[in-house]
Amino acid sequence: MSSAVRAFRLPGWAIGVVGVALLVAVWWIVAALFFAPAPGSSYAAIPTPPQVLGAFVDDGIGYYWKAFAVTLNEAGIGYLWGNGLALVLSALVLVLPWLEGVVTQLAVITYCVPLVAIAPLALVILGGAQKSGDPSATAVFLAALSVFFTTVVGTLLGLKAADAASLDVVSVYGGSKFTQLRKVRAIAALPSVLSALQIAVPAAFLGAILGEYLGKIEIGVGPILVASAVSLNSPRVWAVFILCALVAIVGYTVLGLVARAVTPWSTGKAERA
């Protein structure tokens, strides 16, 4: 019986396709049966999948690509700055242990302070985009802030997970703490660091979108969402939402594949090979 069940077991990608199909079917049924356009409005609060697809086709891929290019640029810059600073500070903690309390408290503060509360201050200090199509400094800052805590925590945990015997070998041969960091701790920390960087991808994208709401920019995902919400164009709002989800999933998946390729031992592939 168990062998028969295993024989008819669907592969992972097929299960994902079936799950997405069921989700779309439920969405379609609920939107068609329970959500009708309000009086005087052309759009329902929850449009059907064909209506969302129609909005995407009517607007054209160029309309969305132009906006997403700006937001992805902001998210990418913030991603590099936030993660780069987190990695450098975490590495300094191993060389200068007294910095750990400061770095940890700084990371916790960035995590606890709501982005919507700090965004107006960032706008006053940093300003928005200089001209149409340029990245917003506020969006870049919020993207960097969104990834800092996760990467600091993941990196510190990974750096402290190094094998004690390996560290002792480096010390016996006269290696410094920096040598331990370079030869042992950095390698041991790779799985944790890459996992943190993977989680940071959707976080940076979300932070950039939030920064665009207050960043005084004309082109981006944020301005499209604001304009669509004001005009009650729910199919366009849902189209942007789905595209944002796809971007986040693709970025998360790509970093996951990179992590599996760089650290095969963390998934057990090295042992099976």
C-alpha atoms as a PDB file:
ATOM      1  CA  MET A   1       0.000   0.000   0.000  1.00  0.00           C
ATOM      2  CA  SER A   2       2.745   2.419   0.921  1.00  0.00           C
ATOM      3  CA  SER A   3       4.676   1.577  -2.253  1.00  0.00           C
ATOM      4  CA  ALA A   4       1.580   2.308  -4.354  1.00  0.00           C
ATOM      5  CA  VAL A   5       1.164   5.674  -2.642  1.00  0.00           C
ATOM      6  CA  ARG A   6       4.802   6.506  -3.320  1.00  0.00           C
ATOM      7  CA  ALA A   7       4.402   5.486  -6.960  1.00  0.00           C
ATOM      8  CA  PHE A   8       1.566   7.975  -7.508  1.00  0.00           C
ATOM      9  CA  ARG A   9       3.111  10.762  -5.462  1.00  0.00           C
ATOM     10  CA  LEU A  10       3.249  14.048  -7.381  1.00  0.00           C
ATOM     11  CA  PRO A  11       6.549  15.900  -7.736  1.00  0.00           C
ATOM     12  CA  GLY A  12       7.013  19.130  -5.835  1.00  0.00           C
ATOM     13  CA  TRP A  13       6.446  21.406  -8.829  1.00  0.00           C
ATOM     14  CA  ALA A  14       3.181  19.628  -9.685  1.00  0.00           C
ATOM     15  CA  ILE A  15       1.910  20.060  -6.133  1.00  0.00           C
ATOM     16  CA  GLY A  16       2.724  23.758  -6.390  1.00  0.00           C
ATOM     17  CA  VAL A  17       0.830  24.081  -9.686  1.00  0.00           C
ATOM     18  CA  VAL A  18      -2.209  22.299  -8.234  1.00  0.00           C
ATOM     19  CA  GLY A  19      -2.109  24.530  -5.165  1.00  0.00           C
ATOM     20  CA  VAL A  20      -1.977  27.705  -7.258  1.00  0.00           C
ATOM     21  CA  ALA A  21      -4.832  26.444  -9.465  1.00  0.00           C
ATOM     22  CA  LEU A  22      -7.002  25.739  -6.414  1.00  0.00           C
ATOM     23  CA  LEU A  23      -6.204  29.152  -4.949  1.00  0.00           C
ATOM     24  CA  VAL A  24      -7.172  30.904  -8.202  1.00  0.00           C
ATOM     25  CA  ALA A  25     -10.382  28.847  -8.400  1.00  0.00           C
ATOM     26  CA  VAL A  26     -11.406  29.804  -4.860  1.00  0.00           C
ATOM     27  CA  TRP A  27     -10.540  33.448  -5.563  1.00  0.00           C
ATOM     28  CA  TRP A  28     -12.650  33.395  -8.738  1.00  0.00           C
ATOM     29  CA  ILE A  29     -15.670  31.815  -7.018  1.00  0.00           C
ATOM     30  CA  VAL A  30     -15.574  34.167  -4.017  1.00  0.00           C
ATOM     31  CA  ALA A  31     -15.143  37.280  -6.202  1.00  0.00           C
ATOM     32  CA  ALA A  32     -17.962  36.291  -8.556  1.00  0.00           C
ATOM     33  CA  LEU A  33     -20.474  35.244  -5.900  1.00  0.00           C
ATOM     34  CA  PHE A  34     -19.890  37.578  -2.967  1.00  0.00           C
ATOM     35  CA  PHE A  35     -18.284  40.755  -4.316  1.00  0.00           C
ATOM     36  CA  ALA A  36     -20.200  42.814  -6.813  1.00  0.00           C
ATOM     37  CA  PRO A  37     -19.316  46.366  -7.906  1.00  0.00           C
ATOM     38  CA  ALA A  38     -20.608  48.998  -5.497  1.00  0.00           C
ATOM     39  CA  PRO A  39     -23.311  51.369  -6.756  1.00  0.00           C
ATOM     40  CA  GLY A  40     -21.731  54.026  -8.960  1.00  0.00           C
ATOM     41  CA  SER A  41     -18.455  52.089  -9.248  1.00  0.00           C
ATOM     42  CA  SER A  42     -17.179  50.057 -12.184  1.00  0.00           C
ATOM     43  CA  TYR A  43     -15.002  47.801 -10.064  1.00  0.00           C
ATOM     44  CA  ALA A  44     -15.639  45.319  -7.268  1.00  0.00           C
ATOM     45  CA  ALA A  45     -13.501  45.269  -4.141  1.00  0.00           C
ATOM     46  CA  ILE A  46     -12.215  41.849  -5.172  1.00  0.00           C
ATOM     47  CA  PRO A  47     -12.095  41.508  -8.970  1.00  0.00           C
ATOM     48  CA  THR A  48     -12.107  38.145 -10.716  1.00  0.00           C
ATOM     49  CA  PRO A  49      -8.876  36.748 -12.217  1.00  0.00           C
ATOM     50  CA  PRO A  50      -9.986  37.626 -15.803  1.00  0.00           C
ATOM     51  CA  GLN A  51     -10.591  41.234 -14.725  1.00  0.00           C
ATOM     52  CA  VAL A  52      -7.102  41.446 -13.206  1.00  0.00           C
ATOM     53  CA  LEU A  53      -5.598  39.915 -16.321  1.00  0.00           C
ATOM     54  CA  GLY A  54      -7.583  42.375 -18.434  1.00  0.00           C
ATOM     55  CA  ALA A  55      -6.188  45.302 -16.439  1.00  0.00           C
ATOM     56  CA  PHE A  56      -2.667  44.009 -16.988  1.00  0.00           C
ATOM     57  CA  VAL A  57      -3.257  43.625 -20.731  1.00  0.00           C
ATOM     58  CA  ASP A  58      -4.936  47.032 -21.064  1.00  0.00           C
ATOM     59  CA  ASP A  59      -2.158  48.838 -19.197  1.00  0.00           C
ATOM     60  CA  GLY A  60       0.568  46.997 -21.077  1.00  0.00           C
ATOM     61  CA  ILE A  61       3.746  45.436 -19.767  1.00  0.00           C
ATOM     62  CA  GLY A  62       5.667  48.665 -20.381  1.00  0.00           C
ATOM     63  CA  TYR A  63       3.513  50.519 -17.856  1.00  0.00           C
ATOM     64  CA  TYR A  64       4.384  48.090 -15.078  1.00  0.00           C
ATOM     65  CA  TRP A  65       7.972  47.514 -16.156  1.00  0.00           C
ATOM     66  CA  LYS A  66       8.755  51.231 -15.952  1.00  0.00           C
ATOM     67  CA  ALA A  67       7.445  51.405 -12.399  1.00  0.00           C
ATOM     68  CA  PHE A  68       8.984  48.149 -11.190  1.00  0.00           C
ATOM     69  CA  ALA A  69      12.377  49.081 -12.657  1.00  0.00           C
ATOM     70  CA  VAL A  70      12.531  52.132 -10.370  1.00  0.00           C
ATOM     71  CA  THR A  71      11.360  50.225  -7.293  1.00  0.00           C
ATOM     72  CA  LEU A  72      13.728  47.317  -7.925  1.00  0.00           C
ATOM     73  CA  ASN A  73      16.588  49.776  -8.283  1.00  0.00           C
ATOM     74  CA  GLU A  74      15.737  51.330  -4.926  1.00  0.00           C
ATOM     75  CA  ALA A  75      15.343  47.917  -3.298  1.00  0.00           C
ATOM     76  CA  GLY A  76      18.636  46.714  -4.770  1.00  0.00           C
ATOM     77  CA  ILE A  77      20.594  49.725  -3.544  1.00  0.00           C
ATOM     78  CA  GLY A  78      19.034  49.460  -0.084  1.00  0.00           C
ATOM     79  CA  TYR A  79      19.663  45.722  -0.055  1.00  0.00           C
ATOM     80  CA  LEU A  80      23.362  46.209  -0.720  1.00  0.00           C
ATOM     81  CA  TRP A  81      23.791  49.001   1.803  1.00  0.00           C
ATOM     82  CA  GLY A  82      21.769  47.373   4.594  1.00  0.00           C
ATOM     83  CA  ASN A  83      23.276  43.930   4.228  1.00  0.00           C
ATOM     84  CA  GLY A  84      26.782  45.265   3.631  1.00  0.00           C
ATOM     85  CA  LEU A  85      26.682  47.315   6.833  1.00  0.00           C
ATOM     86  CA  ALA A  86      25.204  44.379   8.763  1.00  0.00           C
ATOM     87  CA  LEU A  87      27.940  42.019   7.562  1.00  0.00           C
ATOM     88  CA  VAL A  88      30.747  44.464   8.357  1.00  0.00           C
ATOM     89  CA  LEU A  89      29.461  45.238  11.859  1.00  0.00           C
ATOM     90  CA  SER A  90      28.889  41.551  12.609  1.00  0.00           C
ATOM     91  CA  ALA A  91      32.439  40.731  11.527  1.00  0.00           C
ATOM     92  CA  LEU A  92      33.813  43.537  13.712  1.00  0.00           C
ATOM     93  CA  VAL A  93      32.073  41.991  16.721  1.00  0.00           C
ATOM     94  CA  LEU A  94      34.306  38.912  16.399  1.00  0.00           C
ATOM     95  CA  VAL A  95      37.427  41.074  16.293  1.00  0.00           C
ATOM     96  CA  LEU A  96      36.189  43.581  18.899  1.00  0.00           C
ATOM     97  CA  PRO A  97      33.809  41.645  21.215  1.00  0.00           C
ATOM     98  CA  TRP A  98      32.845  44.756  23.188  1.00  0.00           C
ATOM     99  CA  LEU A  99      30.953  45.958  20.104  1.00  0.00           C
ATOM    100  CA  GLU A 100      28.423  43.117  20.287  1.00  0.00           C
ATOM    101  CA  GLY A 101      26.087  44.905  22.694  1.00  0.00           C
ATOM    102  CA  VAL A 102      26.099  48.070  20.600  1.00  0.00           C
ATOM    103  CA  VAL A 103      25.512  46.251  17.307  1.00  0.00           C
ATOM    104  CA  THR A 104      22.772  44.047  18.776  1.00  0.00           C
ATOM    105  CA  GLN A 105      20.953  46.994  20.343  1.00  0.00           C
ATOM    106  CA  LEU A 106      21.206  48.938  17.097  1.00  0.00           C
ATOM    107  CA  ALA A 107      19.727  46.007  15.184  1.00  0.00           C
ATOM    108  CA  VAL A 108      16.888  45.611  17.680  1.00  0.00           C
ATOM    109  CA  ILE A 109      16.080  49.323  17.498  1.00  0.00           C
ATOM    110  CA  THR A 110      15.896  49.230  13.705  1.00  0.00           C
ATOM    111  CA  TYR A 111      13.560  46.238  13.970  1.00  0.00           C
ATOM    112  CA  CYS A 112      11.288  47.663  16.670  1.00  0.00           C
ATOM    113  CA  VAL A 113      10.815  51.159  15.255  1.00  0.00           C
ATOM    114  CA  PRO A 114       7.868  51.069  12.799  1.00  0.00           C
ATOM    115  CA  LEU A 115       8.907  52.043   9.282  1.00  0.00           C
ATOM    116  CA  VAL A 116       5.818  54.216   8.891  1.00  0.00           C
ATOM    117  CA  ALA A 117       6.982  56.240  11.902  1.00  0.00           C
ATOM    118  CA  ILE A 118      10.546  56.756  10.719  1.00  0.00           C
ATOM    119  CA  ALA A 119       9.640  57.351   7.064  1.00  0.00           C
ATOM    120  CA  PRO A 120       8.606  61.022   7.560  1.00  0.00           C
ATOM    121  CA  LEU A 121      11.900  61.721   9.339  1.00  0.00           C
ATOM    122  CA  ALA A 122      13.812  60.048   6.529  1.00  0.00           C
ATOM    123  CA  LEU A 123      11.945  62.155   3.996  1.00  0.00           C
ATOM    124  CA  VAL A 124      12.780  65.381   5.833  1.00  0.00           C
ATOM    125  CA  ILE A 125      16.454  64.444   6.191  1.00  0.00           C
ATOM    126  CA  LEU A 126      17.113  62.626   2.919  1.00  0.00           C
ATOM    127  CA  GLY A 127      14.433  63.984   0.628  1.00  0.00           C
ATOM    128  CA  GLY A 128      12.824  62.161  -2.289  1.00  0.00           C
ATOM    129  CA  ALA A 129      13.935  61.653  -5.859  1.00  0.00           C
ATOM    130  CA  GLN A 130      15.736  64.533  -7.564  1.00  0.00           C
ATOM    131  CA  LYS A 131      13.940  64.014 -10.867  1.00  0.00           C
ATOM    132  CA  SER A 132      11.407  61.662 -12.390  1.00  0.00           C
ATOM    133  CA  GLY A 133      12.702  58.104 -12.628  1.00  0.00           C
ATOM    134  CA  ASP A 134      15.545  58.560 -10.127  1.00  0.00           C
ATOM    135  CA  PRO A 135      15.592  56.338  -7.026  1.00  0.00           C
ATOM    136  CA  SER A 136      14.132  57.865  -3.900  1.00  0.00           C
ATOM    137  CA  ALA A 137      16.632  58.272  -1.067  1.00  0.00           C
ATOM    138  CA  THR A 138      13.831  57.628   1.427  1.00  0.00           C
ATOM    139  CA  ALA A 139      12.879  54.382  -0.305  1.00  0.00           C
ATOM    140  CA  VAL A 140      16.524  53.260  -0.392  1.00  0.00           C
ATOM    141  CA  PHE A 141      16.926  54.034   3.312  1.00  0.00           C
ATOM    142  CA  LEU A 142      13.800  52.105   4.313  1.00  0.00           C
ATOM    143  CA  ALA A 143      14.871  49.167   2.140  1.00  0.00           C
ATOM    144  CA  ALA A 144      18.244  49.108   3.906  1.00  0.00           C
ATOM    145  CA  LEU A 145      16.579  49.423   7.301  1.00  0.00           C
ATOM    146  CA  SER A 146      14.255  46.517   6.529  1.00  0.00           C
ATOM    147  CA  VAL A 147      17.102  44.033   6.044  1.00  0.00           C
ATOM    148  CA  PHE A 148      19.567  45.168   8.701  1.00  0.00           C
ATOM    149  CA  PHE A 149      18.189  43.272  11.713  1.00  0.00           C
ATOM    150  CA  THR A 150      17.731  39.936   9.958  1.00  0.00           C
ATOM    151  CA  THR A 151      21.226  39.935   8.510  1.00  0.00           C
ATOM    152  CA  VAL A 152      22.898  41.009  11.750  1.00  0.00           C
ATOM    153  CA  VAL A 153      21.193  38.244  13.732  1.00  0.00           C
ATOM    154  CA  GLY A 154      21.814  35.584  11.097  1.00  0.00           C
ATOM    155  CA  THR A 155      25.457  36.555  10.671  1.00  0.00           C
ATOM    156  CA  LEU A 156      26.227  36.688  14.390  1.00  0.00           C
ATOM    157  CA  LEU A 157      24.631  33.287  14.959  1.00  0.00           C
ATOM    158  CA  GLY A 158      26.546  31.842  12.034  1.00  0.00           C
ATOM    159  CA  LEU A 159      29.894  33.300  13.084  1.00  0.00           C
ATOM    160  CA  LYS A 160      29.464  31.908  16.601  1.00  0.00           C
ATOM    161  CA  ALA A 161      28.597  28.456  15.255  1.00  0.00           C
ATOM    162  CA  ALA A 162      32.184  27.746  14.179  1.00  0.00           C
ATOM    163  CA  ASP A 163      33.763  24.519  15.425  1.00  0.00           C
ATOM    164  CA  ALA A 164      35.798  25.158  18.573  1.00  0.00           C
ATOM    165  CA  ALA A 165      38.441  22.615  17.609  1.00  0.00           C
ATOM    166  CA  SER A 166      39.067  24.356  14.303  1.00  0.00           C
ATOM    167  CA  LEU A 167      39.402  27.686  16.065  1.00  0.00           C
ATOM    168  CA  ASP A 168      41.911  26.150  18.494  1.00  0.00           C
ATOM    169  CA  VAL A 169      43.996  24.836  15.603  1.00  0.00           C
ATOM    170  CA  VAL A 170      44.254  28.338  14.146  1.00  0.00           C
ATOM    171  CA  SER A 171      45.245  29.730  17.564  1.00  0.00           C
ATOM    172  CA  VAL A 172      47.868  27.041  18.119  1.00  0.00           C
ATOM    173  CA  TYR A 173      49.528  27.934  14.835  1.00  0.00           C
ATOM    174  CA  GLY A 174      49.659  31.586  15.840  1.00  0.00           C
ATOM    175  CA  GLY A 175      46.579  32.794  13.973  1.00  0.00           C
ATOM    176  CA  SER A 176      44.834  35.953  15.116  1.00  0.00           C
ATOM    177  CA  LYS A 177      41.105  36.520  15.593  1.00  0.00           C
ATOM    178  CA  PHE A 178      41.009  37.957  12.109  1.00  0.00           C
ATOM    179  CA  THR A 179      42.574  34.754  10.768  1.00  0.00           C
ATOM    180  CA  GLN A 180      39.958  32.727  12.645  1.00  0.00           C
ATOM    181  CA  LEU A 181      37.279  34.895  11.113  1.00  0.00           C
ATOM    182  CA  ARG A 182      38.670  34.503   7.610  1.00  0.00           C
ATOM    183  CA  LYS A 183      39.622  30.814   7.707  1.00  0.00           C
ATOM    184  CA  VAL A 184      36.968  29.237   9.957  1.00  0.00           C
ATOM    185  CA  ARG A 185      34.120  31.459  11.073  1.00  0.00           C
ATOM    186  CA  ALA A 186      33.277  32.889   7.646  1.00  0.00           C
ATOM    187  CA  ILE A 187      32.899  29.415   6.157  1.00  0.00           C
ATOM    188  CA  ALA A 188      30.876  28.128   9.101  1.00  0.00           C
ATOM    189  CA  ALA A 189      28.605  31.163   8.922  1.00  0.00           C
ATOM    190  CA  LEU A 190      27.818  30.865   5.199  1.00  0.00           C
ATOM    191  CA  PRO A 191      24.548  28.894   5.571  1.00  0.00           C
ATOM    192  CA  SER A 192      23.161  31.311   8.163  1.00  0.00           C
ATOM    193  CA  VAL A 193      24.323  34.380   6.256  1.00  0.00           C
ATOM    194  CA  LEU A 194      22.850  33.193   2.972  1.00  0.00           C
ATOM    195  CA  SER A 195      19.559  32.332   4.691  1.00  0.00           C
ATOM    196  CA  ALA A 196      19.428  35.847   6.133  1.00  0.00           C
ATOM    197  CA  LEU A 197      20.213  37.359   2.732  1.00  0.00           C
ATOM    198  CA  GLN A 198      17.447  35.229   1.217  1.00  0.00           C
ATOM    199  CA  ILE A 199      14.882  36.508   3.711  1.00  0.00           C
ATOM    200  CA  ALA A 200      16.122  40.060   3.119  1.00  0.00           C
ATOM    201  CA  VAL A 201      15.093  40.042  -0.557  1.00  0.00           C
ATOM    202  CA  PRO A 202      11.312  40.467  -0.070  1.00  0.00           C
ATOM    203  CA  ALA A 203      11.950  42.669   2.981  1.00  0.00           C
ATOM    204  CA  ALA A 204      14.010  45.130   0.925  1.00  0.00           C
ATOM    205  CA  PHE A 205      11.380  45.221  -1.810  1.00  0.00           C
ATOM    206  CA  LEU A 206       8.619  45.914   0.717  1.00  0.00           C
ATOM    207  CA  GLY A 207      10.684  48.642   2.376  1.00  0.00           C
ATOM    208  CA  ALA A 208      11.286  50.349  -0.965  1.00  0.00           C
ATOM    209  CA  ILE A 209       7.568  50.325  -1.790  1.00  0.00           C
ATOM    210  CA  LEU A 210       6.732  51.795   1.605  1.00  0.00           C
ATOM    211  CA  GLY A 211       9.343  54.504   1.115  1.00  0.00           C
ATOM    212  CA  GLU A 212       7.779  55.443  -2.208  1.00  0.00           C
ATOM    213  CA  TYR A 213       4.511  56.341  -0.515  1.00  0.00           C
ATOM    214  CA  LEU A 214       6.230  59.275   1.176  1.00  0.00           C
ATOM    215  CA  GLY A 215       9.225  59.681  -1.097  1.00  0.00           C
ATOM    216  CA  LYS A 216       7.640  62.263  -3.402  1.00  0.00           C
ATOM    217  CA  ILE A 217       8.384  60.352  -6.590  1.00  0.00           C
ATOM    218  CA  GLU A 218       6.365  60.153  -9.778  1.00  0.00           C
ATOM    219  CA  ILE A 219       7.357  56.704 -11.071  1.00  0.00           C
ATOM    220  CA  GLY A 220       7.356  53.497  -9.048  1.00  0.00           C
ATOM    221  CA  VAL A 221       5.158  50.808  -7.591  1.00  0.00           C
ATOM    222  CA  GLY A 222       4.114  53.041  -4.696  1.00  0.00           C
ATOM    223  CA  PRO A 223       2.711  55.838  -6.898  1.00  0.00           C
ATOM    224  CA  ILE A 224       0.766  53.273  -8.966  1.00  0.00           C
ATOM    225  CA  LEU A 225      -0.802  51.824  -5.820  1.00  0.00           C
ATOM    226  CA  VAL A 226      -1.713  55.279  -4.510  1.00  0.00           C
ATOM    227  CA  ALA A 227      -3.242  56.405  -7.816  1.00  0.00           C
ATOM    228  CA  SER A 228      -5.140  53.129  -8.230  1.00  0.00           C
ATOM    229  CA  ALA A 229      -6.507  53.258  -4.683  1.00  0.00           C
ATOM    230  CA  VAL A 230      -7.683  56.855  -5.117  1.00  0.00           C
ATOM    231  CA  SER A 231      -9.488  55.958  -8.353  1.00  0.00           C
ATOM    232  CA  LEU A 232     -10.810  52.689  -6.804  1.00  0.00           C
ATOM    233  CA  ASN A 233      -9.264  50.745  -9.689  1.00  0.00           C
ATOM    234  CA  SER A 234      -9.192  47.411  -7.859  1.00  0.00           C
ATOM    235  CA  PRO A 235      -8.127  45.274 -10.868  1.00  0.00           C
ATOM    236  CA  ARG A 236      -4.964  47.356 -11.233  1.00  0.00           C
ATOM    237  CA  VAL A 237      -4.297  47.197  -7.486  1.00  0.00           C
ATOM    238  CA  TRP A 238      -4.582  43.414  -7.591  1.00  0.00           C
ATOM    239  CA  ALA A 239      -2.407  43.235 -10.694  1.00  0.00           C
ATOM    240  CA  VAL A 240       0.330  45.188  -8.922  1.00  0.00           C
ATOM    241  CA  PHE A 241      -0.097  43.027  -5.827  1.00  0.00           C
ATOM    242  CA  ILE A 242       0.359  39.824  -7.828  1.00  0.00           C
ATOM    243  CA  LEU A 243       3.390  41.225  -9.651  1.00  0.00           C
ATOM    244  CA  CYS A 244       4.942  42.259  -6.319  1.00  0.00           C
ATOM    245  CA  ALA A 245       4.381  38.763  -4.955  1.00  0.00           C
ATOM    246  CA  LEU A 246       5.982  37.229  -8.049  1.00  0.00           C
ATOM    247  CA  VAL A 247       9.014  39.530  -7.796  1.00  0.00           C
ATOM    248  CA  ALA A 248       9.482  38.658  -4.121  1.00  0.00           C
ATOM    249  CA  ILE A 249       9.089  34.926  -4.781  1.00  0.00           C
ATOM    250  CA  VAL A 250      11.537  34.979  -7.694  1.00  0.00           C
ATOM    251  CA  GLY A 251      14.150  36.888  -5.695  1.00  0.00           C
ATOM    252  CA  TYR A 252      13.706  34.601  -2.692  1.00  0.00           C
ATOM    253  CA  THR A 253      13.975  31.488  -4.882  1.00  0.00           C
ATOM    254  CA  VAL A 254      17.072  32.705  -6.725  1.00  0.00           C
ATOM    255  CA  LEU A 255      18.905  33.391  -3.456  1.00  0.00           C
ATOM    256  CA  GLY A 256      17.797  29.986  -2.217  1.00  0.00           C
ATOM    257  CA  LEU A 257      19.312  28.297  -5.268  1.00  0.00           C
ATOM    258  CA  VAL A 258      22.525  30.274  -4.789  1.00  0.00           C
ATOM    259  CA  ALA A 259      22.655  29.203  -1.142  1.00  0.00           C
ATOM    260  CA  ARG A 260      22.200  25.534  -2.072  1.00  0.00           C
ATOM    261  CA  ALA A 261      24.938  25.785  -4.693  1.00  0.00           C
ATOM    262  CA  VAL A 262      27.420  27.588  -2.433  1.00  0.00           C
ATOM    263  CA  THR A 263      26.761  25.549   0.724  1.00  0.00           C
ATOM    264  CA  PRO A 264      25.748  22.048  -0.393  1.00  0.00           C
ATOM    265  CA  TRP A 265      26.808  20.610   2.961  1.00  0.00           C
ATOM    266  CA  SER A 266      23.979  22.501   4.700  1.00  0.00           C
ATOM    267  CA  THR A 267      21.361  20.498   2.749  1.00  0.00           C
ATOM    268  CA  GLY A 268      23.118  17.154   3.055  1.00  0.00           C
ATOM    269  CA  LYS A 269      24.027  16.941  -0.642  1.00  0.00           C
ATOM    270  CA  ALA A 270      27.732  16.615   0.068  1.00  0.00           C
ATOM    271  CA  GLU A 271      27.190  13.527   2.206  1.00  0.00           C
ATOM    272  CA  ARG A 272      24.949  11.805  -0.339  1.00  0.00           C
ATOM    273  CA  ALA A 273      27.379  12.605  -3.149  1.00  0.00           C
END
